[in-house]
Full PDB file with SEQRES, HELIX, SHEET, SSBOND, CRYST1, ORIGX, SCALE, CONECT and MASTER records, all heavy atoms in Angstrom:
SEQRES   1 A   38  LEU HIS GLU LEU SER GLN LEU LEU ALA LEU SER GLU GLU          
SEQRES   2 A   38  ASP ILE GLU ALA PHE LYS GLU ARG MET GLN ARG GLN ARG          
SEQRES   3 A   38  ARG PHE HIS HIS VAL VAL ILE ARG GLN ARG LEU THR              
HELIX    1 AA1 HIS A    2  LEU A    8  1                                   7    
HELIX    2 AA2 GLU A   12  ARG A   24  1                                  13    
CRYST1    1.000    1.000    1.000  90.00  90.00  90.00 P 1           1          
ORIGX1      1.000000  0.000000  0.000000        0.00000                         
ORIGX2      0.000000  1.000000  0.000000        0.00000                         
ORIGX3      0.000000  0.000000  1.000000        0.00000                         
SCALE1      1.000000  0.000000  0.000000        0.00000                         
SCALE2      0.000000  1.000000  0.000000        0.00000                         
SCALE3      0.000000  0.000000  1.000000        0.00000                         
ATOM      1  N   LEU A   1      88.348 102.324 109.801  1.00  0.00           N  
ATOM      2  CA  LEU A   1      89.546 103.164 109.681  1.00  0.00           C  
ATOM      3  C   LEU A   1      90.181 103.402 111.052  1.00  0.00           C  
ATOM      4  O   LEU A   1      91.420 103.425 111.175  1.00  0.00           O  
ATOM      5  CB  LEU A   1      89.188 104.501 109.025  1.00  0.00           C  
ATOM      6  CG  LEU A   1      88.848 104.447 107.537  1.00  0.00           C  
ATOM      7  CD1 LEU A   1      88.357 105.809 107.051  1.00  0.00           C  
ATOM      8  CD2 LEU A   1      90.071 104.006 106.721  1.00  0.00           C  
ATOM      9  N   HIS A   2      89.357 103.573 112.058  1.00  0.00           N  
ATOM     10  CA  HIS A   2      89.878 103.774 113.419  1.00  0.00           C  
ATOM     11  C   HIS A   2      90.655 102.547 113.888  1.00  0.00           C  
ATOM     12  O   HIS A   2      91.762 102.670 114.434  1.00  0.00           O  
ATOM     13  CB  HIS A   2      88.729 104.084 114.379  1.00  0.00           C  
ATOM     14  CG  HIS A   2      89.152 104.207 115.809  1.00  0.00           C  
ATOM     15  ND1 HIS A   2      89.909 105.266 116.274  1.00  0.00           N  
ATOM     16  CD2 HIS A   2      88.942 103.380 116.886  1.00  0.00           C  
ATOM     17  CE1 HIS A   2      90.152 105.088 117.561  1.00  0.00           C  
ATOM     18  NE2 HIS A   2      89.575 103.968 117.963  1.00  0.00           N  
ATOM     19  N   GLU A   3      90.091 101.369 113.673  1.00  0.00           N  
ATOM     20  CA  GLU A   3      90.767 100.143 114.101  1.00  0.00           C  
ATOM     21  C   GLU A   3      92.036  99.891 113.285  1.00  0.00           C  
ATOM     22  O   GLU A   3      93.041  99.421 113.826  1.00  0.00           O  
ATOM     23  CB  GLU A   3      89.810  98.959 113.987  1.00  0.00           C  
ATOM     24  CG  GLU A   3      88.644  99.028 114.981  1.00  0.00           C  
ATOM     25  CD  GLU A   3      87.738  97.809 114.883  1.00  0.00           C  
ATOM     26  OE1 GLU A   3      88.074  96.895 114.112  1.00  0.00           O  
ATOM     27  OE2 GLU A   3      86.707  97.788 115.578  1.00  0.00           O  
ATOM     28  N   LEU A   4      91.987 100.218 111.987  1.00  0.00           N  
ATOM     29  CA  LEU A   4      93.184 100.071 111.154  1.00  0.00           C  
ATOM     30  C   LEU A   4      94.281 101.031 111.612  1.00  0.00           C  
ATOM     31  O   LEU A   4      95.469 100.689 111.585  1.00  0.00           O  
ATOM     32  CB  LEU A   4      92.852 100.332 109.679  1.00  0.00           C  
ATOM     33  CG  LEU A   4      92.091  99.225 108.947  1.00  0.00           C  
ATOM     34  CD1 LEU A   4      91.667  99.696 107.563  1.00  0.00           C  
ATOM     35  CD2 LEU A   4      92.965  97.971 108.814  1.00  0.00           C  
ATOM     36  N   SER A   5      93.882 102.221 112.040  1.00  0.00           N  
ATOM     37  CA  SER A   5      94.859 103.198 112.526  1.00  0.00           C  
ATOM     38  C   SER A   5      95.583 102.682 113.755  1.00  0.00           C  
ATOM     39  O   SER A   5      96.785 102.909 113.931  1.00  0.00           O  
ATOM     40  CB  SER A   5      94.172 104.529 112.850  1.00  0.00           C  
ATOM     41  OG  SER A   5      93.581 105.088 111.696  1.00  0.00           O  
ATOM     42  N   GLN A   6      94.851 102.004 114.630  1.00  0.00           N  
ATOM     43  CA  GLN A   6      95.469 101.452 115.828  1.00  0.00           C  
ATOM     44  C   GLN A   6      96.365 100.269 115.497  1.00  0.00           C  
ATOM     45  O   GLN A   6      97.408 100.070 116.121  1.00  0.00           O  
ATOM     46  CB  GLN A   6      94.388 101.034 116.826  1.00  0.00           C  
ATOM     47  CG  GLN A   6      93.595 102.207 117.408  1.00  0.00           C  
ATOM     48  CD  GLN A   6      92.578 101.751 118.417  1.00  0.00           C  
ATOM     49  OE1 GLN A   6      91.985 100.683 118.282  1.00  0.00           O  
ATOM     50  NE2 GLN A   6      92.372 102.569 119.458  1.00  0.00           N  
ATOM     51  N   LEU A   7      95.948  99.483 114.501  1.00  0.00           N  
ATOM     52  CA  LEU A   7      96.704  98.283 114.147  1.00  0.00           C  
ATOM     53  C   LEU A   7      97.972  98.617 113.371  1.00  0.00           C  
ATOM     54  O   LEU A   7      99.035  98.047 113.628  1.00  0.00           O  
ATOM     55  CB  LEU A   7      95.823  97.338 113.325  1.00  0.00           C  
ATOM     56  CG  LEU A   7      96.449  96.003 112.914  1.00  0.00           C  
ATOM     57  CD1 LEU A   7      96.725  95.136 114.145  1.00  0.00           C  
ATOM     58  CD2 LEU A   7      95.543  95.263 111.937  1.00  0.00           C  
ATOM     59  N   LEU A   8      97.858  99.562 112.413  1.00  0.00           N  
ATOM     60  CA  LEU A   8      98.975  99.846 111.504  1.00  0.00           C  
ATOM     61  C   LEU A   8      99.521 101.263 111.612  1.00  0.00           C  
ATOM     62  O   LEU A   8     100.323 101.683 110.774  1.00  0.00           O  
ATOM     63  CB  LEU A   8      98.532  99.587 110.053  1.00  0.00           C  
ATOM     64  CG  LEU A   8      98.067  98.170 109.732  1.00  0.00           C  
ATOM     65  CD1 LEU A   8      97.581  98.075 108.306  1.00  0.00           C  
ATOM     66  CD2 LEU A   8      99.196  97.171 109.971  1.00  0.00           C  
ATOM     67  N   ALA A   9      99.059 101.998 112.602  1.00  0.00           N  
ATOM     68  CA  ALA A   9      99.538 103.375 112.829  1.00  0.00           C  
ATOM     69  C   ALA A   9      99.356 104.253 111.596  1.00  0.00           C  
ATOM     70  O   ALA A   9     100.292 104.916 111.138  1.00  0.00           O  
ATOM     71  CB  ALA A   9     100.995 103.356 113.271  1.00  0.00           C  
ATOM     72  N   LEU A  10      98.139 104.250 111.040  1.00  0.00           N  
ATOM     73  CA  LEU A  10      97.848 105.142 109.914  1.00  0.00           C  
ATOM     74  C   LEU A  10      97.846 106.591 110.398  1.00  0.00           C  
ATOM     75  O   LEU A  10      97.329 106.891 111.468  1.00  0.00           O  
ATOM     76  CB  LEU A  10      96.481 104.821 109.300  1.00  0.00           C  
ATOM     77  CG  LEU A  10      96.280 103.427 108.713  1.00  0.00           C  
ATOM     78  CD1 LEU A  10      94.865 103.301 108.156  1.00  0.00           C  
ATOM     79  CD2 LEU A  10      97.302 103.138 107.627  1.00  0.00           C  
ATOM     80  N   SER A  11      98.423 107.472 109.599  1.00  0.00           N  
ATOM     81  CA  SER A  11      98.457 108.892 109.958  1.00  0.00           C  
ATOM     82  C   SER A  11      97.176 109.576 109.470  1.00  0.00           C  
ATOM     83  O   SER A  11      96.424 109.031 108.662  1.00  0.00           O  
ATOM     84  CB  SER A  11      99.671 109.569 109.335  1.00  0.00           C  
ATOM     85  OG  SER A  11      99.547 109.604 107.921  1.00  0.00           O  
ATOM     86  N   GLU A  12      96.955 110.788 109.963  1.00  0.00           N  
ATOM     87  CA  GLU A  12      95.805 111.580 109.506  1.00  0.00           C  
ATOM     88  C   GLU A  12      95.911 111.862 108.013  1.00  0.00           C  
ATOM     89  O   GLU A  12      94.907 111.884 107.303  1.00  0.00           O  
ATOM     90  CB  GLU A  12      95.736 112.898 110.292  1.00  0.00           C  
ATOM     91  CG  GLU A  12      95.307 112.744 111.740  1.00  0.00           C  
ATOM     92  CD  GLU A  12      93.879 112.217 111.860  1.00  0.00           C  
ATOM     93  OE1 GLU A  12      93.054 112.552 110.985  1.00  0.00           O  
ATOM     94  OE2 GLU A  12      93.603 111.465 112.807  1.00  0.00           O  
ATOM     95  N   GLU A  13      97.135 112.076 107.525  1.00  0.00           N  
ATOM     96  CA  GLU A  13      97.325 112.323 106.096  1.00  0.00           C  
ATOM     97  C   GLU A  13      96.962 111.091 105.274  1.00  0.00           C  
ATOM     98  O   GLU A  13      96.403 111.217 104.181  1.00  0.00           O  
ATOM     99  CB  GLU A  13      98.774 112.739 105.817  1.00  0.00           C  
ATOM    100  CG  GLU A  13      99.105 114.149 106.305  1.00  0.00           C  
ATOM    101  CD  GLU A  13     100.481 114.584 105.865  1.00  0.00           C  
ATOM    102  OE1 GLU A  13     101.278 113.720 105.441  1.00  0.00           O  
ATOM    103  OE2 GLU A  13     100.763 115.798 105.929  1.00  0.00           O  
ATOM    104  N   ASP A  14      97.287 109.890 105.788  1.00  0.00           N  
ATOM    105  CA  ASP A  14      96.913 108.654 105.093  1.00  0.00           C  
ATOM    106  C   ASP A  14      95.391 108.564 104.946  1.00  0.00           C  
ATOM    107  O   ASP A  14      94.877 108.233 103.872  1.00  0.00           O  
ATOM    108  CB  ASP A  14      97.422 107.427 105.851  1.00  0.00           C  
ATOM    109  CG  ASP A  14      98.939 107.294 105.794  1.00  0.00           C  
ATOM    110  OD1 ASP A  14      99.537 107.756 104.807  1.00  0.00           O  
ATOM    111  OD2 ASP A  14      99.520 106.745 106.749  1.00  0.00           O  
ATOM    112  N   ILE A  15      94.688 108.850 106.027  1.00  0.00           N  
ATOM    113  CA  ILE A  15      93.222 108.731 106.018  1.00  0.00           C  
ATOM    114  C   ILE A  15      92.599 109.796 105.131  1.00  0.00           C  
ATOM    115  O   ILE A  15      91.661 109.514 104.362  1.00  0.00           O  
ATOM    116  CB  ILE A  15      92.680 108.822 107.463  1.00  0.00           C  
ATOM    117  CG1 ILE A  15      93.181 107.613 108.286  1.00  0.00           C  
ATOM    118  CG2 ILE A  15      91.158 108.878 107.471  1.00  0.00           C  
ATOM    119  CD1 ILE A  15      92.813 107.662 109.738  1.00  0.00           C  
ATOM    120  N   GLU A  16      93.105 111.016 105.197  1.00  0.00           N  
ATOM    121  CA  GLU A  16      92.568 112.085 104.348  1.00  0.00           C  
ATOM    122  C   GLU A  16      92.794 111.785 102.872  1.00  0.00           C  
ATOM    123  O   GLU A  16      91.909 111.990 102.037  1.00  0.00           O  
ATOM    124  CB  GLU A  16      93.223 113.421 104.722  1.00  0.00           C  
ATOM    125  CG  GLU A  16      92.757 113.972 106.067  1.00  0.00           C  
ATOM    126  CD  GLU A  16      93.477 115.263 106.436  1.00  0.00           C  
ATOM    127  OE1 GLU A  16      94.192 115.806 105.556  1.00  0.00           O  
ATOM    128  OE2 GLU A  16      93.326 115.718 107.583  1.00  0.00           O  
ATOM    129  N   ALA A  17      93.993 111.302 102.548  1.00  0.00           N  
ATOM    130  CA  ALA A  17      94.292 110.954 101.152  1.00  0.00           C  
ATOM    131  C   ALA A  17      93.402 109.812 100.672  1.00  0.00           C  
ATOM    132  O   ALA A  17      92.935 109.822  99.530  1.00  0.00           O  
ATOM    133  CB  ALA A  17      95.766 110.578 101.011  1.00  0.00           C  
ATOM    134  N   PHE A  18      93.146 108.821 101.557  1.00  0.00           N  
ATOM    135  CA  PHE A  18      92.256 107.717 101.196  1.00  0.00           C  
ATOM    136  C   PHE A  18      90.841 108.221 100.901  1.00  0.00           C  
ATOM    137  O   PHE A  18      90.217 107.821  99.910  1.00  0.00           O  
ATOM    138  CB  PHE A  18      92.225 106.688 102.325  1.00  0.00           C  
ATOM    139  CG  PHE A  18      91.038 105.768 102.273  1.00  0.00           C  
ATOM    140  CD1 PHE A  18      90.957 104.762 101.317  1.00  0.00           C  
ATOM    141  CD2 PHE A  18      89.969 105.927 103.161  1.00  0.00           C  
ATOM    142  CE1 PHE A  18      89.851 103.924 101.257  1.00  0.00           C  
ATOM    143  CE2 PHE A  18      88.866 105.099 103.113  1.00  0.00           C  
ATOM    144  CZ  PHE A  18      88.814 104.092 102.150  1.00  0.00           C  
ATOM    145  N   LYS A  19      90.330 109.103 101.748  1.00  0.00           N  
ATOM    146  CA  LYS A  19      88.974 109.616 101.546  1.00  0.00           C  
ATOM    147  C   LYS A  19      88.863 110.440 100.263  1.00  0.00           C  
ATOM    148  O   LYS A  19      87.824 110.407  99.583  1.00  0.00           O  
ATOM    149  CB  LYS A  19      88.544 110.445 102.753  1.00  0.00           C  
ATOM    150  CG  LYS A  19      88.301 109.595 104.003  1.00  0.00           C  
ATOM    151  CD  LYS A  19      87.815 110.424 105.179  1.00  0.00           C  
ATOM    152  CE  LYS A  19      87.498 109.528 106.382  1.00  0.00           C  
ATOM    153  NZ  LYS A  19      87.037 110.313 107.549  1.00  0.00           N  
ATOM    154  N   GLU A  20      89.921 111.154  99.909  1.00  0.00           N  
ATOM    155  CA  GLU A  20      89.922 111.893  98.648  1.00  0.00           C  
ATOM    156  C   GLU A  20      89.879 110.935  97.464  1.00  0.00           C  
ATOM    157  O   GLU A  20      89.145 111.158  96.493  1.00  0.00           O  
ATOM    158  CB  GLU A  20      91.171 112.779  98.556  1.00  0.00           C  
ATOM    159  CG  GLU A  20      91.137 113.988  99.483  1.00  0.00           C  
ATOM    160  CD  GLU A  20      92.403 114.814  99.370  1.00  0.00           C  
ATOM    161  OE1 GLU A  20      93.219 114.520  98.461  1.00  0.00           O  
ATOM    162  OE2 GLU A  20      92.577 115.748 100.175  1.00  0.00           O  
ATOM    163  N   ARG A  21      90.680 109.853  97.547  1.00  0.00           N  
ATOM    164  CA  ARG A  21      90.672 108.873  96.462  1.00  0.00           C  
ATOM    165  C   ARG A  21      89.321 108.168  96.375  1.00  0.00           C  
ATOM    166  O   ARG A  21      88.842 107.851  95.279  1.00  0.00           O  
ATOM    167  CB  ARG A  21      91.792 107.848  96.668  1.00  0.00           C  
ATOM    168  CG  ARG A  21      93.179 108.389  96.390  1.00  0.00           C  
ATOM    169  CD  ARG A  21      94.195 107.266  96.319  1.00  0.00           C  
ATOM    170  NE  ARG A  21      94.426 106.667  97.612  1.00  0.00           N  
ATOM    171  CZ  ARG A  21      95.337 107.094  98.483  1.00  0.00           C  
ATOM    172  NH1 ARG A  21      96.078 108.143  98.202  1.00  0.00           N  
ATOM    173  NH2 ARG A  21      95.507 106.482  99.635  1.00  0.00           N  
ATOM    174  N   MET A  22      88.717 107.907  97.527  1.00  0.00           N  
ATOM    175  CA  MET A  22      87.428 107.212  97.553  1.00  0.00           C  
ATOM    176  C   MET A  22      86.349 108.028  96.841  1.00  0.00           C  
ATOM    177  O   MET A  22      85.441 107.470  96.215  1.00  0.00           O  
ATOM    178  CB  MET A  22      87.023 106.937  99.001  1.00  0.00           C  
ATOM    179  CG  MET A  22      85.817 106.011  99.131  1.00  0.00           C  
ATOM    180  SD  MET A  22      85.484 105.571 100.853  1.00  0.00           S  
ATOM    181  CE  MET A  22      85.004 107.176 101.513  1.00  0.00           C  
ATOM    182  N   GLN A  23      86.433 109.379  96.938  1.00  0.00           N  
ATOM    183  CA  GLN A  23      85.445 110.230  96.283  1.00  0.00           C  
ATOM    184  C   GLN A  23      85.522 110.110  94.767  1.00  0.00           C  
ATOM    185  O   GLN A  23      84.539 110.370  94.058  1.00  0.00           O  
ATOM    186  CB  GLN A  23      85.667 111.691  96.692  1.00  0.00           C  
ATOM    187  CG  GLN A  23      85.451 111.965  98.167  1.00  0.00           C  
ATOM    188  CD  GLN A  23      84.031 111.644  98.622  1.00  0.00           C  
ATOM    189  OE1 GLN A  23      83.080 111.908  97.912  1.00  0.00           O  
ATOM    190  NE2 GLN A  23      83.903 111.071  99.808  1.00  0.00           N  
ATOM    191  N   ARG A  24      86.687 109.728  94.249  1.00  0.00           N  
ATOM    192  CA  ARG A  24      86.870 109.645  92.799  1.00  0.00           C  
ATOM    193  C   ARG A  24      86.607 108.248  92.249  1.00  0.00           C  
ATOM    194  O   ARG A  24      86.692 108.048  91.038  1.00  0.00           O  
ATOM    195  CB  ARG A  24      88.300 110.075  92.434  1.00  0.00           C  
ATOM    196  CG  ARG A  24      88.645 111.495  92.844  1.00  0.00           C  
ATOM    197  CD  ARG A  24      89.932 111.955  92.175  1.00  0.00           C  
ATOM    198  NE  ARG A  24      91.085 111.166  92.567  1.00  0.00           N  
ATOM    199  CZ  ARG A  24      91.912 111.484  93.557  1.00  0.00           C  
ATOM    200  NH1 ARG A  24      91.694 112.598  94.244  1.00  0.00           N  
ATOM    201  NH2 ARG A  24      92.952 110.743  93.853  1.00  0.00           N  
ATOM    202  N   GLN A  25      86.340 107.276  93.130  1.00  0.00           N  
ATOM    203  CA  GLN A  25      86.164 105.896  92.697  1.00  0.00           C  
ATOM    204  C   GLN A  25      84.750 105.414  92.979  1.00  0.00           C  
ATOM    205  O   GLN A  25      84.062 105.941  93.868  1.00  0.00           O  
ATOM    206  CB  GLN A  25      87.158 104.975  93.423  1.00  0.00           C  
ATOM    207  CG  GLN A  25      88.617 105.287  93.138  1.00  0.00           C  
ATOM    208  CD  GLN A  25      89.098 104.717  91.831  1.00  0.00           C  
ATOM    209  OE1 GLN A  25      88.331 104.118  91.084  1.00  0.00           O  
ATOM    210  NE2 GLN A  25      90.359 104.912  91.525  1.00  0.00           N  
ATOM    211  N   ARG A  26      84.308 104.421  92.235  1.00  0.00           N  
ATOM    212  CA  ARG A  26      83.047 103.740  92.538  1.00  0.00           C  
ATOM    213  C   ARG A  26      83.230 102.939  93.834  1.00  0.00           C  
ATOM    214  O   ARG A  26      84.323 102.459  94.130  1.00  0.00           O  
ATOM    215  CB  ARG A  26      82.655 102.809  91.394  1.00  0.00           C  
ATOM    216  CG  ARG A  26      82.420 103.537  90.073  1.00  0.00           C  
ATOM    217  CD  ARG A  26      81.131 104.321  90.112  1.00  0.00           C  
ATOM    218  NE  ARG A  26      80.858 104.963  88.861  1.00  0.00           N  
ATOM    219  CZ  ARG A  26      80.197 104.392  87.848  1.00  0.00           C  
ATOM    220  NH1 ARG A  26      79.768 103.145  87.977  1.00  0.00           N  
ATOM    221  NH2 ARG A  26      79.980 105.051  86.728  1.00  0.00           N  
ATOM    222  N   ARG A  27      82.137 102.775  94.572  1.00  0.00           N  
ATOM    223  CA  ARG A  27      82.231 102.127  95.883  1.00  0.00           C  
ATOM    224  C   ARG A  27      82.585 100.642  95.796  1.00  0.00           C  
ATOM    225  O   ARG A  27      82.977 100.041  96.797  1.00  0.00           O  
ATOM    226  CB  ARG A  27      80.919 102.306  96.656  1.00  0.00           C  
ATOM    227  CG  ARG A  27      80.672 103.740  97.086  1.00  0.00           C  
ATOM    228  CD  ARG A  27      79.440 103.821  97.976  1.00  0.00           C  
ATOM    229  NE  ARG A  27      79.563 103.039  99.202  1.00  0.00           N  
ATOM    230  CZ  ARG A  27      80.215 103.439 100.288  1.00  0.00           C  
ATOM    231  NH1 ARG A  27      80.818 104.605 100.307  1.00  0.00           N  
ATOM    232  NH2 ARG A  27      80.267 102.669 101.366  1.00  0.00           N  
ATOM    233  N   PHE A  28      82.444 100.049  94.611  1.00  0.00           N  
ATOM    234  CA  PHE A  28      82.796  98.633  94.492  1.00  0.00           C  
ATOM    235  C   PHE A  28      84.204  98.439  93.913  1.00  0.00           C  
ATOM    236  O   PHE A  28      84.589  97.326  93.567  1.00  0.00           O  
ATOM    237  CB  PHE A  28      81.762  97.871  93.641  1.00  0.00           C  
ATOM    238  CG  PHE A  28      81.475  98.504  92.301  1.00  0.00           C  
ATOM    239  CD1 PHE A  28      82.268  98.249  91.204  1.00  0.00           C  
ATOM    240  CD2 PHE A  28      80.394  99.358  92.157  1.00  0.00           C  
ATOM    241  CE1 PHE A  28      82.000  98.824  89.986  1.00  0.00           C  
ATOM    242  CE2 PHE A  28      80.112  99.940  90.933  1.00  0.00           C  
ATOM    243  CZ  PHE A  28      80.914  99.673  89.842  1.00  0.00           C  
ATOM    244  N   HIS A  29      84.978  99.531  93.782  1.00  0.00           N  
ATOM    245  CA  HIS A  29      86.357  99.436  93.318  1.00  0.00           C  
ATOM    246  C   HIS A  29      87.330  99.454  94.496  1.00  0.00           C  
ATOM    247  O   HIS A  29      87.043 100.015  95.547  1.00  0.00           O  
ATOM    248  CB  HIS A  29      86.687 100.604  92.384  1.00  0.00           C  
ATOM    249  CG  HIS A  29      86.105 100.449  91.016  1.00  0.00           C  
ATOM    250  ND1 HIS A  29      85.973 101.490  90.133  1.00  0.00           N  
ATOM    251  CD2 HIS A  29      85.612  99.354  90.378  1.00  0.00           C  
ATOM    252  CE1 HIS A  29      85.422 101.063  89.017  1.00  0.00           C  
ATOM    253  NE2 HIS A  29      85.194  99.780  89.141  1.00  0.00           N  
ATOM    254  N   HIS A  30      88.490  98.863  94.281  1.00  0.00           N  
ATOM    255  CA  HIS A  30      89.550  98.894  95.298  1.00  0.00           C  
ATOM    256  C   HIS A  30      90.105 100.313  95.418  1.00  0.00           C  
ATOM    257  O   HIS A  30      90.405 100.961  94.411  1.00  0.00           O  
ATOM    258  CB  HIS A  30      90.681  97.935  94.915  1.00  0.00           C  
ATOM    259  CG  HIS A  30      90.325  96.498  95.073  1.00  0.00           C  
ATOM    260  ND1 HIS A  30      90.764  95.725  96.134  1.00  0.00           N  
ATOM    261  CD2 HIS A  30      89.556  95.676  94.313  1.00  0.00           C  
ATOM    262  CE1 HIS A  30      90.297  94.500  96.009  1.00  0.00           C  
ATOM    263  NE2 HIS A  30      89.563  94.436  94.906  1.00  0.00           N  
ATOM    264  N   VAL A  31      90.260 100.776  96.634  1.00  0.00           N  
ATOM    265  CA  VAL A  31      90.838 102.099  96.903  1.00  0.00           C  
ATOM    266  C   VAL A  31      92.032 101.911  97.841  1.00  0.00           C  
ATOM    267  O   VAL A  31      91.912 101.272  98.886  1.00  0.00           O  
ATOM    268  CB  VAL A  31      89.816 103.057  97.541  1.00  0.00           C  
ATOM    269  CG1 VAL A  31      90.440 104.441  97.736  1.00  0.00           C  
ATOM    270  CG2 VAL A  31      88.557 103.158  96.680  1.00  0.00           C  
ATOM    271  N   VAL A  32      93.172 102.476  97.459  1.00  0.00           N  
ATOM    272  CA  VAL A  32      94.392 102.329  98.252  1.00  0.00           C  
ATOM    273  C   VAL A  32      94.290 103.169  99.526  1.00  0.00           C  
ATOM    274  O   VAL A  32      93.950 104.351  99.488  1.00  0.00           O  
ATOM    275  CB  VAL A  32      95.629 102.769  97.439  1.00  0.00           C  
ATOM    276  CG1 VAL A  32      96.885 102.738  98.315  1.00  0.00           C  
ATOM    277  CG2 VAL A  32      95.812 101.861  96.226  1.00  0.00           C  
ATOM    278  N   ILE A  33      94.570 102.523 100.654  1.00  0.00           N  
ATOM    279  CA  ILE A  33      94.637 103.236 101.931  1.00  0.00           C  
ATOM    280  C   ILE A  33      96.063 103.690 102.200  1.00  0.00           C  
ATOM    281  O   ILE A  33      96.308 104.840 102.535  1.00  0.00           O  
ATOM    282  CB  ILE A  33      94.146 102.344 103.089  1.00  0.00           C  
ATOM    283  CG1 ILE A  33      92.695 101.879 102.822  1.00  0.00           C  
ATOM    284  CG2 ILE A  33      94.231 103.089 104.422  1.00  0.00           C  
ATOM    285  CD1 ILE A  33      92.198 100.877 103.848  1.00  0.00           C  
ATOM    286  N   ARG A  34      97.016 102.768 102.056  1.00  0.00           N  
ATOM    287  CA  ARG A  34      98.423 103.127 102.223  1.00  0.00           C  
ATOM    288  C   ARG A  34      99.293 102.172 101.444  1.00  0.00           C  
ATOM    289  O   ARG A  34      99.016 100.965 101.378  1.00  0.00           O  
ATOM    290  CB  ARG A  34      98.823 103.104 103.700  1.00  0.00           C  
ATOM    291  CG  ARG A  34     100.051 103.973 103.968  1.00  0.00           C  
ATOM    292  CD  ARG A  34     100.491 103.898 105.401  1.00  0.00           C  
ATOM    293  NE  ARG A  34     101.377 102.746 105.623  1.00  0.00           N  
ATOM    294  CZ  ARG A  34     101.745 102.323 106.831  1.00  0.00           C  
ATOM    295  NH1 ARG A  34     101.276 102.924 107.903  1.00  0.00           N  
ATOM    296  NH2 ARG A  34     102.557 101.314 106.961  1.00  0.00           N  
ATOM    297  N   GLN A  35     100.344 102.724 100.831  1.00  0.00           N  
ATOM    298  CA  GLN A  35     101.283 101.912 100.072  1.00  0.00           C  
ATOM    299  C   GLN A  35     102.532 101.633 100.887  1.00  0.00           C  
ATOM    300  O   GLN A  35     102.730 102.174 101.973  1.00  0.00           O  
ATOM    301  CB  GLN A  35     101.670 102.625  98.768  1.00  0.00           C  
ATOM    302  CG  GLN A  35     100.501 102.778  97.790  1.00  0.00           C  
ATOM    303  CD  GLN A  35     100.911 103.517  96.538  1.00  0.00           C  
ATOM    304  OE1 GLN A  35     101.720 104.439  96.591  1.00  0.00           O  
ATOM    305  NE2 GLN A  35     100.351 103.134  95.410  1.00  0.00           N  
ATOM    306  N   ARG A  36     103.344 100.753 100.336  1.00  0.00           N  
ATOM    307  CA  ARG A  36     104.653 100.426 100.913  1.00  0.00           C  
ATOM    308  C   ARG A  36     104.563  99.957 102.360  1.00  0.00           C  
ATOM    309  O   ARG A  36     105.205 100.489 103.269  1.00  0.00           O  
ATOM    310  CB  ARG A  36     105.602 101.624 100.804  1.00  0.00           C  
ATOM    311  CG  ARG A  36     105.954 101.974  99.364  1.00  0.00           C  
ATOM    312  CD  ARG A  36     107.074 103.005  99.308  1.00  0.00           C  
ATOM    313  NE  ARG A  36     107.465 103.253  97.931  1.00  0.00           N  
ATOM    314  CZ  ARG A  36     108.487 104.035  97.571  1.00  0.00           C  
ATOM    315  NH1 ARG A  36     109.214 104.618  98.499  1.00  0.00           N  
ATOM    316  NH2 ARG A  36     108.775 104.221  96.308  1.00  0.00           N  
ATOM    317  N   LEU A  37     103.754  98.950 102.594  1.00  0.00           N  
ATOM    318  CA  LEU A  37     103.694  98.340 103.919  1.00  0.00           C  
ATOM    319  C   LEU A  37     104.970  97.532 104.176  1.00  0.00           C  
ATOM    320  O   LEU A  37     105.511  96.909 103.257  1.00  0.00           O  
ATOM    321  CB  LEU A  37     102.482  97.416 104.032  1.00  0.00           C  
ATOM    322  CG  LEU A  37     101.092  98.052 103.895  1.00  0.00           C  
ATOM    323  CD1 LEU A  37     100.040  96.978 104.027  1.00  0.00           C  
ATOM    324  CD2 LEU A  37     100.880  99.145 104.917  1.00  0.00           C  
ATOM    325  N   THR A  38     105.421  97.533 105.412  1.00  0.00           N  
ATOM    326  CA  THR A  38     106.581  96.718 105.766  1.00  0.00           C  
ATOM    327  C   THR A  38     106.142  95.266 105.937  1.00  0.00           C  
ATOM    328  O   THR A  38     104.942  94.960 106.060  1.00  0.00           O  
ATOM    329  CB  THR A  38     107.216  97.225 107.069  1.00  0.00           C  
ATOM    330  OG1 THR A  38     106.272  97.043 108.142  1.00  0.00           O  
ATOM    331  CG2 THR A  38     107.573  98.708 106.957  1.00  0.00           C  
TER     332      THR A  38                                                      
MASTER        0    0    0    2    0    0    0    6  331    1    0    3          
END                                                                             
């Protein structure tokens, strides 16, 4: 996540939202980190 933040400028809100979604999903499922990439 740290390296992705440097590469794509992920915000703290993006990372927090991802971790919340990850808690609701199985670890072998796809979890969205950020939508609408340029």
